[in-house]
Amino acid sequence: MRPHDLAADTRALVSALQDSQYENDLLNRIASESPTFVALVLDSMKSMEEFGDDHVATWLGSFTDGRPKTQVQLVVTHNHDFTIDED
């Protein structure tokens, strides 16, 4: 069995994030700096393909002290109801 090549996954994800309509600078920078982020995005995309979902939200954590409960999520979506965009 081949060892998992996270660097190759990172390069593949950064390459896959290239888009003619968007620069995706922040997304590319985070992917380049964080193997954890790459794994989360790839797992979300794989889950969407396997189960036919168009939206996966992964809970990253919550803040409660001194503020209303605030949740941090990574959202990967094809669903236009959940996209945040300039149009």
PDB file of N, CA and C in Angstrom:
ATOM      1  N   MET A   1       0.835  -1.181   0.000  1.00  0.00           N
ATOM      2  CA  MET A   1       0.000   0.000   0.000  1.00  0.00           C
ATOM      3  C   MET A   1       0.886   1.252   0.000  1.00  0.00           C
ATOM      4  N   ARG A   2       0.576   2.187  -0.882  1.00  0.00           N
ATOM      5  CA  ARG A   2       1.345   3.423  -0.975  1.00  0.00           C
ATOM      6  C   ARG A   2       1.048   4.342   0.193  1.00  0.00           C
ATOM      7  N   PRO A   3       2.062   5.002   0.739  1.00  0.00           N
ATOM      8  CA  PRO A   3       1.787   5.998   1.777  1.00  0.00           C
ATOM      9  C   PRO A   3       1.009   7.166   1.169  1.00  0.00           C
ATOM     10  N   HIS A   4       0.169   7.758   1.971  1.00  0.00           N
ATOM     11  CA  HIS A   4      -0.643   8.895   1.526  1.00  0.00           C
ATOM     12  C   HIS A   4       0.256  10.096   1.278  1.00  0.00           C
ATOM     13  N   ASP A   5       0.099  10.722   0.129  1.00  0.00           N
ATOM     14  CA  ASP A   5       0.932  11.862  -0.247  1.00  0.00           C
ATOM     15  C   ASP A   5       0.114  13.144  -0.111  1.00  0.00           C
ATOM     16  N   LEU A   6       0.155  13.750   1.079  1.00  0.00           N
ATOM     17  CA  LEU A   6      -0.615  14.955   1.346  1.00  0.00           C
ATOM     18  C   LEU A   6      -0.136  16.122   0.494  1.00  0.00           C
ATOM     19  N   ALA A   7       1.151  16.180   0.210  1.00  0.00           N
ATOM     20  CA  ALA A   7       1.664  17.256  -0.643  1.00  0.00           C
ATOM     21  C   ALA A   7       1.038  17.160  -2.033  1.00  0.00           C
ATOM     22  N   ALA A   8       0.880  15.955  -2.541  1.00  0.00           N
ATOM     23  CA  ALA A   8       0.244  15.773  -3.849  1.00  0.00           C
ATOM     24  C   ALA A   8      -1.225  16.178  -3.786  1.00  0.00           C
ATOM     25  N   ASP A   9      -1.895  15.825  -2.689  1.00  0.00           N
ATOM     26  CA  ASP A   9      -3.294  16.240  -2.507  1.00  0.00           C
ATOM     27  C   ASP A   9      -3.410  17.755  -2.491  1.00  0.00           C
ATOM     28  N   THR A  10      -2.469  18.406  -1.796  1.00  0.00           N
ATOM     29  CA  THR A  10      -2.486  19.862  -1.711  1.00  0.00           C
ATOM     30  C   THR A  10      -2.302  20.468  -3.099  1.00  0.00           C
ATOM     31  N   ARG A  11      -1.337  19.969  -3.849  1.00  0.00           N
ATOM     32  CA  ARG A  11      -1.116  20.476  -5.211  1.00  0.00           C
ATOM     33  C   ARG A  11      -2.343  20.236  -6.081  1.00  0.00           C
ATOM     34  N   ALA A  12      -2.947  19.063  -5.958  1.00  0.00           N
ATOM     35  CA  ALA A  12      -4.136  18.746  -6.756  1.00  0.00           C
ATOM     36  C   ALA A  12      -5.292  19.670  -6.400  1.00  0.00           C
ATOM     37  N   LEU A  13      -5.476  19.927  -5.106  1.00  0.00           N
ATOM     38  CA  LEU A  13      -6.575  20.804  -4.698  1.00  0.00           C
ATOM     39  C   LEU A  13      -6.323  22.229  -5.162  1.00  0.00           C
ATOM     40  N   VAL A  14      -5.120  22.734  -4.970  1.00  0.00           N
ATOM     41  CA  VAL A  14      -4.802  24.099  -5.409  1.00  0.00           C
ATOM     42  C   VAL A  14      -4.999  24.202  -6.920  1.00  0.00           C
ATOM     43  N   SER A  15      -4.588  23.184  -7.654  1.00  0.00           N
ATOM     44  CA  SER A  15      -4.785  23.177  -9.101  1.00  0.00           C
ATOM     45  C   SER A  15      -6.269  23.150  -9.448  1.00  0.00           C
ATOM     46  N   ALA A  16      -7.036  22.343  -8.728  1.00  0.00           N
ATOM     47  CA  ALA A  16      -8.474  22.243  -8.985  1.00  0.00           C
ATOM     48  C   ALA A  16      -9.209  23.529  -8.648  1.00  0.00           C
ATOM     49  N   LEU A  17      -8.632  24.346  -7.769  1.00  0.00           N
ATOM     50  CA  LEU A  17      -9.269  25.594  -7.370  1.00  0.00           C
ATOM     51  C   LEU A  17      -9.045  26.719  -8.375  1.00  0.00           C
ATOM     52  N   GLN A  18      -8.252  26.463  -9.413  1.00  0.00           N
ATOM     53  CA  GLN A  18      -8.052  27.485 -10.443  1.00  0.00           C
ATOM     54  C   GLN A  18      -9.380  27.724 -11.146  1.00  0.00           C
ATOM     55  N   ASP A  19      -9.715  28.960 -11.372  1.00  0.00           N
ATOM     56  CA  ASP A  19     -11.013  29.306 -11.933  1.00  0.00           C
ATOM     57  C   ASP A  19     -10.853  30.542 -12.811  1.00  0.00           C
ATOM     58  N   SER A  20     -11.441  30.512 -13.992  1.00  0.00           N
ATOM     59  CA  SER A  20     -11.308  31.639 -14.909  1.00  0.00           C
ATOM     60  C   SER A  20     -12.102  32.862 -14.455  1.00  0.00           C
ATOM     61  N   GLN A  21     -13.113  32.675 -13.577  1.00  0.00           N
ATOM     62  CA  GLN A  21     -13.939  33.797 -13.134  1.00  0.00           C
ATOM     63  C   GLN A  21     -13.482  34.386 -11.805  1.00  0.00           C
ATOM     64  N   TYR A  22     -12.733  33.612 -11.015  1.00  0.00           N
ATOM     65  CA  TYR A  22     -12.350  34.056  -9.681  1.00  0.00           C
ATOM     66  C   TYR A  22     -10.861  33.836  -9.471  1.00  0.00           C
ATOM     67  N   GLU A  23     -10.252  34.717  -8.699  1.00  0.00           N
ATOM     68  CA  GLU A  23      -8.831  34.554  -8.409  1.00  0.00           C
ATOM     69  C   GLU A  23      -8.584  33.563  -7.284  1.00  0.00           C
ATOM     70  N   ASN A  24      -9.493  33.479  -6.305  1.00  0.00           N
ATOM     71  CA  ASN A  24      -9.388  32.507  -5.207  1.00  0.00           C
ATOM     72  C   ASN A  24      -8.078  32.591  -4.435  1.00  0.00           C
ATOM     73  N   ASP A  25      -7.512  33.792  -4.326  1.00  0.00           N
ATOM     74  CA  ASP A  25      -6.219  33.942  -3.653  1.00  0.00           C
ATOM     75  C   ASP A  25      -6.233  33.431  -2.218  1.00  0.00           C
ATOM     76  N   LEU A  26      -7.246  33.823  -1.448  1.00  0.00           N
ATOM     77  CA  LEU A  26      -7.300  33.395  -0.048  1.00  0.00           C
ATOM     78  C   LEU A  26      -7.465  31.888   0.051  1.00  0.00           C
ATOM     79  N   LEU A  27      -8.344  31.329  -0.768  1.00  0.00           N
ATOM     80  CA  LEU A  27      -8.556  29.884  -0.763  1.00  0.00           C
ATOM     81  C   LEU A  27      -7.273  29.142  -1.125  1.00  0.00           C
ATOM     82  N   ASN A  28      -6.581  29.599  -2.143  1.00  0.00           N
ATOM     83  CA  ASN A  28      -5.314  28.969  -2.541  1.00  0.00           C
ATOM     84  C   ASN A  28      -4.261  29.087  -1.452  1.00  0.00           C
ATOM     85  N   ARG A  29      -4.193  30.246  -0.799  1.00  0.00           N
ATOM     86  CA  ARG A  29      -3.195  30.432   0.255  1.00  0.00           C
ATOM     87  C   ARG A  29      -3.471  29.503   1.441  1.00  0.00           C
ATOM     88  N   ILE A  30      -4.736  29.413   1.854  1.00  0.00           N
ATOM     89  CA  ILE A  30      -5.071  28.524   2.983  1.00  0.00           C
ATOM     90  C   ILE A  30      -4.779  27.077   2.605  1.00  0.00           C
ATOM     91  N   ALA A  31      -5.142  26.677   1.385  1.00  0.00           N
ATOM     92  CA  ALA A  31      -4.877  25.301   0.947  1.00  0.00           C
ATOM     93  C   ALA A  31      -3.377  25.019   0.919  1.00  0.00           C
ATOM     94  N   SER A  32      -2.606  25.993   0.503  1.00  0.00           N
ATOM     95  CA  SER A  32      -1.154  25.810   0.444  1.00  0.00           C
ATOM     96  C   SER A  32      -0.521  25.721   1.827  1.00  0.00           C
ATOM     97  N   GLU A  33      -1.134  26.366   2.811  1.00  0.00           N
ATOM     98  CA  GLU A  33      -0.569  26.424   4.161  1.00  0.00           C
ATOM     99  C   GLU A  33      -1.106  25.363   5.113  1.00  0.00           C
ATOM    100  N   SER A  34      -2.261  24.748   4.790  1.00  0.00           N
ATOM    101  CA  SER A  34      -2.898  23.882   5.777  1.00  0.00           C
ATOM    102  C   SER A  34      -3.309  22.523   5.223  1.00  0.00           C
ATOM    103  N   PRO A  35      -2.563  21.466   5.574  1.00  0.00           N
ATOM    104  CA  PRO A  35      -2.959  20.118   5.170  1.00  0.00           C
ATOM    105  C   PRO A  35      -4.316  19.726   5.768  1.00  0.00           C
ATOM    106  N   THR A  36      -4.626  20.256   6.938  1.00  0.00           N
ATOM    107  CA  THR A  36      -5.918  19.968   7.564  1.00  0.00           C
ATOM    108  C   THR A  36      -7.052  20.521   6.709  1.00  0.00           C
ATOM    109  N   PHE A  37      -6.890  21.754   6.231  1.00  0.00           N
ATOM    110  CA  PHE A  37      -7.891  22.361   5.366  1.00  0.00           C
ATOM    111  C   PHE A  37      -8.062  21.542   4.089  1.00  0.00           C
ATOM    112  N   VAL A  38      -6.952  21.148   3.473  1.00  0.00           N
ATOM    113  CA  VAL A  38      -7.004  20.352   2.251  1.00  0.00           C
ATOM    114  C   VAL A  38      -7.790  19.070   2.494  1.00  0.00           C
ATOM    115  N   ALA A  39      -7.479  18.385   3.593  1.00  0.00           N
ATOM    116  CA  ALA A  39      -8.175  17.136   3.907  1.00  0.00           C
ATOM    117  C   ALA A  39      -9.666  17.369   4.115  1.00  0.00           C
ATOM    118  N   LEU A  40     -10.032  18.439   4.812  1.00  0.00           N
ATOM    119  CA  LEU A  40     -11.446  18.733   5.042  1.00  0.00           C
ATOM    120  C   LEU A  40     -12.184  19.018   3.733  1.00  0.00           C
ATOM    121  N   VAL A  41     -11.571  19.817   2.863  1.00  0.00           N
ATOM    122  CA  VAL A  41     -12.213  20.137   1.583  1.00  0.00           C
ATOM    123  C   VAL A  41     -12.333  18.885   0.715  1.00  0.00           C
ATOM    124  N   LEU A  42     -11.253  18.115   0.612  1.00  0.00           N
ATOM    125  CA  LEU A  42     -11.299  16.896  -0.194  1.00  0.00           C
ATOM    126  C   LEU A  42     -12.327  15.904   0.344  1.00  0.00           C
ATOM    127  N   ASP A  43     -12.386  15.735   1.661  1.00  0.00           N
ATOM    128  CA  ASP A  43     -13.378  14.835   2.263  1.00  0.00           C
ATOM    129  C   ASP A  43     -14.802  15.320   1.985  1.00  0.00           C
ATOM    130  N   SER A  44     -15.010  16.633   2.060  1.00  0.00           N
ATOM    131  CA  SER A  44     -16.333  17.192   1.774  1.00  0.00           C
ATOM    132  C   SER A  44     -16.723  16.953   0.321  1.00  0.00           C
ATOM    133  N   MET A  45     -15.774  17.186  -0.591  1.00  0.00           N
ATOM    134  CA  MET A  45     -16.055  16.985  -2.010  1.00  0.00           C
ATOM    135  C   MET A  45     -16.326  15.509  -2.310  1.00  0.00           C
ATOM    136  N   LYS A  46     -15.563  14.630  -1.679  1.00  0.00           N
ATOM    137  CA  LYS A  46     -15.768  13.189  -1.866  1.00  0.00           C
ATOM    138  C   LYS A  46     -17.144  12.773  -1.347  1.00  0.00           C
ATOM    139  N   SER A  47     -17.520  13.286  -0.194  1.00  0.00           N
ATOM    140  CA  SER A  47     -18.830  12.987   0.382  1.00  0.00           C
ATOM    141  C   SER A  47     -19.951  13.462  -0.533  1.00  0.00           C
ATOM    142  N   MET A  48     -19.797  14.658  -1.100  1.00  0.00           N
ATOM    143  CA  MET A  48     -20.810  15.194  -2.009  1.00  0.00           C
ATOM    144  C   MET A  48     -20.965  14.291  -3.223  1.00  0.00           C
ATOM    145  N   GLU A  49     -19.853  13.818  -3.760  1.00  0.00           N
ATOM    146  CA  GLU A  49     -19.896  12.931  -4.927  1.00  0.00           C
ATOM    147  C   GLU A  49     -20.515  11.585  -4.577  1.00  0.00           C
ATOM    148  N   GLU A  50     -20.099  11.007  -3.454  1.00  0.00           N
ATOM    149  CA  GLU A  50     -20.571   9.675  -3.061  1.00  0.00           C
ATOM    150  C   GLU A  50     -22.061   9.651  -2.742  1.00  0.00           C
ATOM    151  N   PHE A  51     -22.538  10.695  -2.072  1.00  0.00           N
ATOM    152  CA  PHE A  51     -23.918  10.680  -1.602  1.00  0.00           C
ATOM    153  C   PHE A  51     -24.847  11.568  -2.421  1.00  0.00           C
ATOM    154  N   GLY A  52     -24.321  12.213  -3.465  1.00  0.00           N
ATOM    155  CA  GLY A  52     -25.146  13.050  -4.314  1.00  0.00           C
ATOM    156  C   GLY A  52     -25.619  14.327  -3.640  1.00  0.00           C
ATOM    157  N   ASP A  53     -24.914  14.735  -2.585  1.00  0.00           N
ATOM    158  CA  ASP A  53     -25.271  15.970  -1.892  1.00  0.00           C
ATOM    159  C   ASP A  53     -24.771  17.169  -2.691  1.00  0.00           C
ATOM    160  N   ASP A  54     -25.396  18.319  -2.447  1.00  0.00           N
ATOM    161  CA  ASP A  54     -24.911  19.545  -3.073  1.00  0.00           C
ATOM    162  C   ASP A  54     -24.404  20.536  -2.035  1.00  0.00           C
ATOM    163  N   HIS A  55     -24.285  20.070  -0.763  1.00  0.00           N
ATOM    164  CA  HIS A  55     -23.919  20.973   0.324  1.00  0.00           C
ATOM    165  C   HIS A  55     -23.402  20.158   1.505  1.00  0.00           C
ATOM    166  N   VAL A  56     -22.208  20.490   1.969  1.00  0.00           N
ATOM    167  CA  VAL A  56     -21.654  19.860   3.170  1.00  0.00           C
ATOM    168  C   VAL A  56     -21.125  20.966   4.073  1.00  0.00           C
ATOM    169  N   ALA A  57     -21.608  21.000   5.306  1.00  0.00           N
ATOM    170  CA  ALA A  57     -21.102  21.941   6.311  1.00  0.00           C
ATOM    171  C   ALA A  57     -20.396  21.133   7.390  1.00  0.00           C
ATOM    172  N   THR A  58     -19.149  21.471   7.653  1.00  0.00           N
ATOM    173  CA  THR A  58     -18.358  20.787   8.675  1.00  0.00           C
ATOM    174  C   THR A  58     -18.176  21.726   9.855  1.00  0.00           C
ATOM    175  N   TRP A  59     -18.591  21.269  11.016  1.00  0.00           N
ATOM    176  CA  TRP A  59     -18.457  22.065  12.237  1.00  0.00           C
ATOM    177  C   TRP A  59     -16.995  22.112  12.627  1.00  0.00           C
ATOM    178  N   LEU A  60     -16.465  23.320  12.837  1.00  0.00           N
ATOM    179  CA  LEU A  60     -15.080  23.499  13.256  1.00  0.00           C
ATOM    180  C   LEU A  60     -14.958  23.890  14.721  1.00  0.00           C
ATOM    181  N   GLY A  61     -15.990  24.532  15.245  1.00  0.00           N
ATOM    182  CA  GLY A  61     -15.960  24.934  16.645  1.00  0.00           C
ATOM    183  C   GLY A  61     -17.027  25.969  16.939  1.00  0.00           C
ATOM    184  N   SER A  62     -17.174  26.277  18.218  1.00  0.00           N
ATOM    185  CA  SER A  62     -18.147  27.274  18.657  1.00  0.00           C
ATOM    186  C   SER A  62     -17.532  28.170  19.715  1.00  0.00           C
ATOM    187  N   PHE A  63     -18.023  29.391  19.767  1.00  0.00           N
ATOM    188  CA  PHE A  63     -17.653  30.352  20.799  1.00  0.00           C
ATOM    189  C   PHE A  63     -18.911  30.709  21.562  1.00  0.00           C
ATOM    190  N   THR A  64     -18.838  30.757  22.897  1.00  0.00           N
ATOM    191  CA  THR A  64     -20.016  31.119  23.684  1.00  0.00           C
ATOM    192  C   THR A  64     -19.726  32.177  24.732  1.00  0.00           C
ATOM    193  N   ASP A  65     -18.520  32.259  25.235  1.00  0.00           N
ATOM    194  CA  ASP A  65     -18.219  33.176  26.333  1.00  0.00           C
ATOM    195  C   ASP A  65     -18.320  34.636  25.890  1.00  0.00           C
ATOM    196  N   GLY A  66     -19.214  35.383  26.534  1.00  0.00           N
ATOM    197  CA  GLY A  66     -19.326  36.805  26.306  1.00  0.00           C
ATOM    198  C   GLY A  66     -19.978  37.202  24.994  1.00  0.00           C
ATOM    199  N   ARG A  67     -20.599  36.243  24.306  1.00  0.00           N
ATOM    200  CA  ARG A  67     -21.263  36.559  23.032  1.00  0.00           C
ATOM    201  C   ARG A  67     -22.356  35.533  22.797  1.00  0.00           C
ATOM    202  N   PRO A  68     -23.275  35.813  21.877  1.00  0.00           N
ATOM    203  CA  PRO A  68     -24.229  34.765  21.514  1.00  0.00           C
ATOM    204  C   PRO A  68     -23.462  33.573  20.945  1.00  0.00           C
ATOM    205  N   LYS A  69     -24.019  32.374  21.101  1.00  0.00           N
ATOM    206  CA  LYS A  69     -23.335  31.193  20.564  1.00  0.00           C
ATOM    207  C   LYS A  69     -23.014  31.439  19.097  1.00  0.00           C
ATOM    208  N   THR A  70     -21.733  31.348  18.788  1.00  0.00           N
ATOM    209  CA  THR A  70     -21.239  31.618  17.448  1.00  0.00           C
ATOM    210  C   THR A  70     -20.530  30.372  16.954  1.00  0.00           C
ATOM    211  N   GLN A  71     -20.977  29.852  15.825  1.00  0.00           N
ATOM    212  CA  GLN A  71     -20.400  28.623  15.290  1.00  0.00           C
ATOM    213  C   GLN A  71     -19.545  28.932  14.066  1.00  0.00           C
ATOM    214  N   VAL A  72     -18.426  28.226  13.961  1.00  0.00           N
ATOM    215  CA  VAL A  72     -17.540  28.348  12.814  1.00  0.00           C
ATOM    216  C   VAL A  72     -17.670  27.066  12.005  1.00  0.00           C
ATOM    217  N   GLN A  73     -17.935  27.223  10.705  1.00  0.00           N
ATOM    218  CA  GLN A  73     -18.131  26.077   9.829  1.00  0.00           C
ATOM    219  C   GLN A  73     -17.305  26.234   8.564  1.00  0.00           C
ATOM    220  N   LEU A  74     -16.940  25.106   7.986  1.00  0.00           N
ATOM    221  CA  LEU A  74     -16.418  25.080   6.628  1.00  0.00           C
ATOM    222  C   LEU A  74     -17.560  24.571   5.769  1.00  0.00           C
ATOM    223  N   VAL A  75     -17.983  25.360   4.799  1.00  0.00           N
ATOM    224  CA  VAL A  75     -19.092  24.981   3.929  1.00  0.00           C
ATOM    225  C   VAL A  75     -18.561  24.772   2.517  1.00  0.00           C
ATOM    226  N   VAL A  76     -18.853  23.612   1.960  1.00  0.00           N
ATOM    227  CA  VAL A  76     -18.553  23.308   0.564  1.00  0.00           C
ATOM    228  C   VAL A  76     -19.905  23.064  -0.090  1.00  0.00           C
ATOM    229  N   THR A  77     -20.232  23.839  -1.137  1.00  0.00           N
ATOM    230  CA  THR A  77     -21.584  23.759  -1.668  1.00  0.00           C
ATOM    231  C   THR A  77     -21.652  24.000  -3.169  1.00  0.00           C
ATOM    232  N   HIS A  78     -22.598  23.314  -3.806  1.00  0.00           N
ATOM    233  CA  HIS A  78     -23.012  23.603  -5.181  1.00  0.00           C
ATOM    234  C   HIS A  78     -24.364  24.307  -5.150  1.00  0.00           C
ATOM    235  N   ASN A  79     -24.999  24.308  -3.995  1.00  0.00           N
ATOM    236  CA  ASN A  79     -26.358  24.820  -3.846  1.00  0.00           C
ATOM    237  C   ASN A  79     -26.335  26.345  -3.877  1.00  0.00           C
ATOM    238  N   HIS A  80     -26.995  26.933  -4.852  1.00  0.00           N
ATOM    239  CA  HIS A  80     -26.986  28.388  -5.021  1.00  0.00           C
ATOM    240  C   HIS A  80     -27.678  29.119  -3.877  1.00  0.00           C
ATOM    241  N   ASP A  81     -28.516  28.421  -3.113  1.00  0.00           N
ATOM    242  CA  ASP A  81     -29.155  29.043  -1.941  1.00  0.00           C
ATOM    243  C   ASP A  81     -28.140  29.328  -0.835  1.00  0.00           C
ATOM    244  N   PHE A  82     -26.998  28.661  -0.877  1.00  0.00           N
ATOM    245  CA  PHE A  82     -25.998  28.802   0.187  1.00  0.00           C
ATOM    246  C   PHE A  82     -24.729  29.497  -0.281  1.00  0.00           C
ATOM    247  N   THR A  83     -24.636  29.895  -1.527  1.00  0.00           N
ATOM    248  CA  THR A  83     -23.422  30.555  -1.990  1.00  0.00           C
ATOM    249  C   THR A  83     -23.427  32.031  -1.575  1.00  0.00           C
ATOM    250  N   ILE A  84     -22.244  32.522  -1.314  1.00  0.00           N
ATOM    251  CA  ILE A  84     -22.055  33.940  -0.979  1.00  0.00           C
ATOM    252  C   ILE A  84     -21.188  34.481  -2.102  1.00  0.00           C
ATOM    253  N   ASP A  85     -21.735  35.398  -2.861  1.00  0.00           N
ATOM    254  CA  ASP A  85     -21.045  35.852  -4.056  1.00  0.00           C
ATOM    255  C   ASP A  85     -21.430  37.283  -4.356  1.00  0.00           C
ATOM    256  N   GLU A  86     -20.721  37.886  -5.272  1.00  0.00           N
ATOM    257  CA  GLU A  86     -21.039  39.258  -5.627  1.00  0.00           C
ATOM    258  C   GLU A  86     -22.266  39.379  -6.503  1.00  0.00           C
ATOM    259  N   ASP A  87     -22.791  38.267  -7.045  1.00  0.00           N
ATOM    260  CA  ASP A  87     -23.991  38.385  -7.860  1.00  0.00           C
ATOM    261  C   ASP A  87     -25.148  37.873  -7.115  1.00  0.00           C
TER     262      ASP A  87
END
